[in-house]
Amino acid sequence: MEKVRLIFEKQFAHVVLLGILLFLLDFASRLPGFFDGEYLGLTTRTWFALSVVNTVLHQVYVWFCWRTQLHLSLMTNVFGQSAFKFYAAGFGIMIILRPILITGLAVSNGGTLPVDPIIMQIVAAILLAPGIYLLYSIVRYFSFTRALGADHFDESFRSLPLVREGIFRFTSNGMYVFGFLVLWAPALFFSSISAIIFAAFSHLYIWVHYYCTEKPDMKRIYT
């Protein structure tokens, strides 16, 4: 029973905060031009729905895999030594879909924000810079394996020191602070009001994941 409690630790807060964010999304969707346009035969409403569903499923998936593995060793009991690979495959599909879907949404709904597009494109390019530096820092100093949460699967990762090089010199949480700026880039580049609102939702929701799932896990893993 104690292990079940730990699996759901702070997940009531997760659900409440997600509910608030979804309520705000629904409220924002009433803005003029929010669902205007289509791309590749899909309406903006469809692109938006796919983006939101993928984001929520992705973060719920990570919570489920991390917590059940950490407290029950469920993943390794089911998949054995291939547990992390199975988890990483699902993670990889959903994380790759994030920029693809928001780009589709931005193109579909492009031009709906009444701002000079040149200015928006310059801002988009600026926001890409820290994202590129983050990618370099992960490859050079951190590794994608560790970034995906390998410490939940392999205890050897738990003895590794904190990374204080590259973009991690500025913050220990570079992936959430800087990584999600990448999602803002297509939204701003195409001046899409629905994509900008979704980028804000996605960036806020990843912090819900951090405070409700990752931070409690880190305290248990590293203390």
Protein backbone atom coordinates (compact mmCIF):
# COMPACT_ATOMS: atom_id res chain seq x y z
CA MET A 1 0.00 0.00 0.00
CA GLU A 2 2.88 2.36 0.81
CA LYS A 3 4.39 1.81 -2.64
CA VAL A 4 1.07 2.60 -4.30
CA ARG A 5 0.90 5.82 -2.27
CA LEU A 6 4.38 6.77 -3.45
CA ILE A 7 3.46 6.13 -7.09
CA PHE A 8 0.64 8.66 -6.78
CA GLU A 9 2.61 11.13 -4.66
CA LYS A 10 1.61 14.70 -5.65
CA GLN A 11 -0.47 13.44 -8.56
CA PHE A 12 -3.66 14.97 -7.16
CA ALA A 13 -1.89 18.33 -7.50
CA HIS A 14 -0.86 17.28 -11.01
CA VAL A 15 -4.49 16.63 -11.98
CA VAL A 16 -5.73 19.88 -10.42
CA LEU A 17 -3.06 21.99 -12.11
CA LEU A 18 -3.64 20.26 -15.44
CA GLY A 19 -7.35 20.94 -15.07
CA ILE A 20 -6.64 24.64 -14.49
CA LEU A 21 -4.37 24.79 -17.54
CA LEU A 22 -6.96 23.05 -19.72
CA PHE A 23 -9.63 25.45 -18.47
CA LEU A 24 -7.40 28.37 -19.44
CA LEU A 25 -6.80 26.78 -22.84
CA ASP A 26 -10.55 26.51 -23.40
CA PHE A 27 -10.97 30.15 -22.38
CA ALA A 28 -8.16 31.26 -24.72
CA SER A 29 -9.64 29.28 -27.61
CA ARG A 30 -12.43 31.89 -27.81
CA LEU A 31 -9.99 34.51 -29.03
CA PRO A 32 -10.65 35.76 -32.58
CA GLY A 33 -8.85 33.66 -35.20
CA PHE A 34 -7.87 30.93 -32.75
CA PHE A 35 -9.18 28.07 -34.90
CA ASP A 36 -8.80 29.72 -38.30
CA GLY A 37 -7.00 27.85 -41.08
CA GLU A 38 -6.03 24.35 -42.11
CA TYR A 39 -2.92 22.50 -43.21
CA LEU A 40 -2.43 19.14 -44.95
CA GLY A 41 -6.16 18.59 -44.91
CA LEU A 42 -6.43 19.02 -41.14
CA THR A 43 -8.18 21.96 -39.52
CA THR A 44 -6.44 24.11 -36.93
CA ARG A 45 -8.82 22.69 -34.33
CA THR A 46 -7.53 19.19 -35.15
CA TRP A 47 -3.86 20.24 -35.02
CA PHE A 48 -4.50 21.91 -31.69
CA ALA A 49 -6.28 18.88 -30.23
CA LEU A 50 -3.51 16.52 -31.40
CA SER A 51 -0.87 18.79 -29.86
CA VAL A 52 -2.62 18.93 -26.48
CA VAL A 53 -3.37 15.18 -26.38
CA ASN A 54 0.22 14.26 -27.25
CA THR A 55 1.60 16.60 -24.59
CA VAL A 56 -0.65 15.26 -21.83
CA LEU A 57 -0.09 11.62 -22.83
CA HIS A 58 3.66 12.19 -22.93
CA GLN A 59 3.87 13.54 -19.40
CA VAL A 60 1.46 10.96 -17.97
CA TYR A 61 3.50 8.26 -19.71
CA VAL A 62 6.71 9.50 -18.10
CA TRP A 63 5.05 9.65 -14.67
CA PHE A 64 3.73 6.09 -15.01
CA CYS A 65 7.01 4.60 -16.24
CA TRP A 66 9.19 6.45 -13.77
CA ARG A 67 7.08 5.88 -10.69
CA THR A 68 6.16 2.23 -11.32
CA GLN A 69 9.79 1.44 -12.07
CA LEU A 70 11.13 3.38 -9.09
CA HIS A 71 8.78 1.87 -6.52
CA LEU A 72 7.73 -1.47 -8.05
CA SER A 73 10.43 -2.23 -10.67
CA LEU A 74 7.47 -2.85 -12.98
CA MET A 75 9.27 -2.01 -16.22
CA THR A 76 12.22 -4.31 -15.57
CA ASN A 77 9.92 -7.07 -14.32
CA VAL A 78 8.00 -6.92 -17.60
CA PHE A 79 10.74 -6.09 -20.12
CA GLY A 80 13.88 -7.24 -18.31
CA GLN A 81 17.13 -5.63 -19.43
CA SER A 82 15.30 -3.98 -22.34
CA ALA A 83 13.04 -1.97 -20.01
CA PHE A 84 14.77 1.35 -20.55
CA LYS A 85 14.82 0.83 -24.33
CA PHE A 86 11.07 0.22 -24.39
CA TYR A 87 10.47 3.28 -22.24
CA ALA A 88 12.84 5.41 -24.34
CA ALA A 89 11.11 4.34 -27.57
CA GLY A 90 7.74 5.59 -26.35
CA PHE A 91 9.32 8.74 -24.97
CA GLY A 92 11.15 9.37 -28.22
CA ILE A 93 8.04 9.10 -30.37
CA MET A 94 6.08 11.56 -28.25
CA ILE A 95 8.92 14.07 -27.81
CA ILE A 96 9.55 14.13 -31.57
CA LEU A 97 5.84 14.66 -32.19
CA ARG A 98 5.85 17.80 -30.05
CA PRO A 99 7.74 20.10 -32.48
CA ILE A 100 6.12 18.40 -35.49
CA LEU A 101 2.60 19.00 -34.21
CA ILE A 102 3.17 22.57 -33.06
CA THR A 103 4.75 23.39 -36.41
CA GLY A 104 1.70 21.94 -38.19
CA LEU A 105 -0.52 23.98 -35.87
CA ALA A 106 1.51 27.15 -36.50
CA VAL A 107 1.39 26.75 -40.28
CA SER A 108 -2.33 25.97 -40.20
CA ASN A 109 -3.10 29.03 -38.09
CA GLY A 110 -0.37 31.29 -39.47
CA GLY A 111 -0.85 35.03 -39.68
CA THR A 112 -3.55 35.23 -37.02
CA LEU A 113 -1.48 37.35 -34.63
CA PRO A 114 -1.62 41.02 -35.74
CA VAL A 115 2.09 41.75 -35.27
CA ASP A 116 4.81 42.53 -37.82
CA PRO A 117 5.90 39.06 -39.04
CA ILE A 118 9.53 40.16 -39.45
CA ILE A 119 9.73 41.02 -35.76
CA MET A 120 8.15 37.69 -34.84
CA GLN A 121 10.60 35.79 -37.04
CA ILE A 122 13.58 37.54 -35.45
CA VAL A 123 12.29 36.67 -31.97
CA ALA A 124 11.75 33.06 -33.11
CA ALA A 125 15.37 32.84 -34.30
CA ILE A 126 16.61 34.27 -31.00
CA LEU A 127 14.65 31.67 -29.03
CA LEU A 128 16.13 28.86 -31.10
CA ALA A 129 19.67 29.76 -29.99
CA PRO A 130 19.43 28.50 -26.37
CA GLY A 131 17.63 25.40 -27.61
CA ILE A 132 20.51 24.57 -29.93
CA TYR A 133 23.02 25.25 -27.16
CA LEU A 134 21.02 22.98 -24.85
CA LEU A 135 21.14 20.18 -27.44
CA TYR A 136 24.91 20.61 -27.70
CA SER A 137 25.26 20.60 -23.91
CA ILE A 138 23.23 17.41 -23.55
CA VAL A 139 25.28 15.60 -26.19
CA ARG A 140 28.61 16.96 -24.92
CA TYR A 141 28.18 16.85 -21.16
CA PHE A 142 24.97 15.11 -20.09
CA SER A 143 23.85 12.39 -22.56
CA PHE A 144 20.35 11.69 -23.80
CA THR A 145 20.24 8.48 -21.76
CA ARG A 146 20.58 10.42 -18.54
CA ALA A 147 18.22 13.14 -19.76
CA LEU A 148 15.47 10.57 -20.33
CA GLY A 149 15.57 9.48 -16.69
CA ALA A 150 17.93 6.52 -16.75
CA ASP A 151 18.50 6.95 -13.01
CA HIS A 152 15.04 5.45 -12.47
CA PHE A 153 16.20 2.25 -14.22
CA ASP A 154 19.92 1.97 -13.54
CA GLU A 155 21.36 2.73 -10.11
CA SER A 156 24.81 3.41 -11.58
CA PHE A 157 23.53 6.76 -12.88
CA ARG A 158 22.69 7.83 -9.34
CA SER A 159 26.33 8.21 -8.39
CA LEU A 160 27.17 10.55 -11.28
CA PRO A 161 27.98 14.16 -10.31
CA LEU A 162 25.77 17.09 -11.24
CA VAL A 163 26.65 18.61 -14.59
CA ARG A 164 27.84 22.22 -14.33
CA GLU A 165 29.12 22.72 -17.87
CA GLY A 166 27.61 24.07 -21.06
CA ILE A 167 24.16 25.52 -20.56
CA PHE A 168 24.00 23.80 -17.18
CA ARG A 169 26.38 26.46 -15.86
CA PHE A 170 23.41 28.82 -15.78
CA THR A 171 20.79 26.47 -14.36
CA SER A 172 20.61 22.87 -13.22
CA ASN A 173 17.28 22.58 -15.02
CA GLY A 174 18.31 23.63 -18.51
CA MET A 175 15.93 21.29 -20.29
CA TYR A 176 12.83 22.90 -18.82
CA VAL A 177 14.12 26.48 -18.68
CA PHE A 178 15.62 26.61 -22.17
CA GLY A 179 14.58 23.44 -24.02
CA PHE A 180 10.91 24.32 -24.30
CA LEU A 181 11.74 27.67 -25.90
CA VAL A 182 12.11 25.61 -29.07
CA LEU A 183 8.34 25.12 -29.13
CA TRP A 184 7.82 28.87 -29.14
CA ALA A 185 9.90 29.30 -32.29
CA PRO A 186 7.44 27.95 -34.92
CA ALA A 187 4.52 29.61 -33.14
CA LEU A 188 6.23 33.00 -33.34
CA PHE A 189 7.74 32.45 -36.79
CA PHE A 190 4.30 31.88 -38.34
CA SER A 191 2.55 34.44 -36.09
CA SER A 192 -0.02 31.87 -34.97
CA ILE A 193 -2.15 32.79 -31.99
CA SER A 194 -3.24 29.19 -31.30
CA ALA A 195 0.36 27.89 -31.52
CA ILE A 196 1.58 30.63 -29.15
CA ILE A 197 -1.12 29.75 -26.62
CA PHE A 198 -0.25 26.06 -26.95
CA ALA A 199 3.48 26.80 -26.50
CA ALA A 200 2.64 28.64 -23.28
CA PHE A 201 0.51 25.71 -22.11
CA SER A 202 3.26 23.22 -22.92
CA HIS A 203 5.92 25.26 -21.14
CA LEU A 204 3.77 25.68 -18.04
CA TYR A 205 2.74 22.03 -18.00
CA ILE A 206 6.31 20.77 -18.03
CA TRP A 207 6.83 22.63 -14.76
CA VAL A 208 3.82 20.80 -13.34
CA HIS A 209 5.65 17.60 -14.26
CA TYR A 210 8.79 18.89 -12.57
CA TYR A 211 7.19 19.84 -9.26
CA CYS A 212 4.71 16.95 -9.06
CA THR A 213 6.79 14.09 -10.48
CA GLU A 214 10.47 14.76 -11.13
CA LYS A 215 11.36 16.78 -8.02
CA PRO A 216 9.85 14.26 -5.55
CA ASP A 217 11.58 11.44 -7.45
CA MET A 218 14.94 13.18 -7.28
CA LYS A 219 14.61 13.60 -3.52
CA ARG A 220 13.99 9.87 -3.13
CA ILE A 221 16.68 8.79 -5.58
CA TYR A 222 19.46 11.07 -4.37
CA THR A 223 18.92 11.09 -0.59
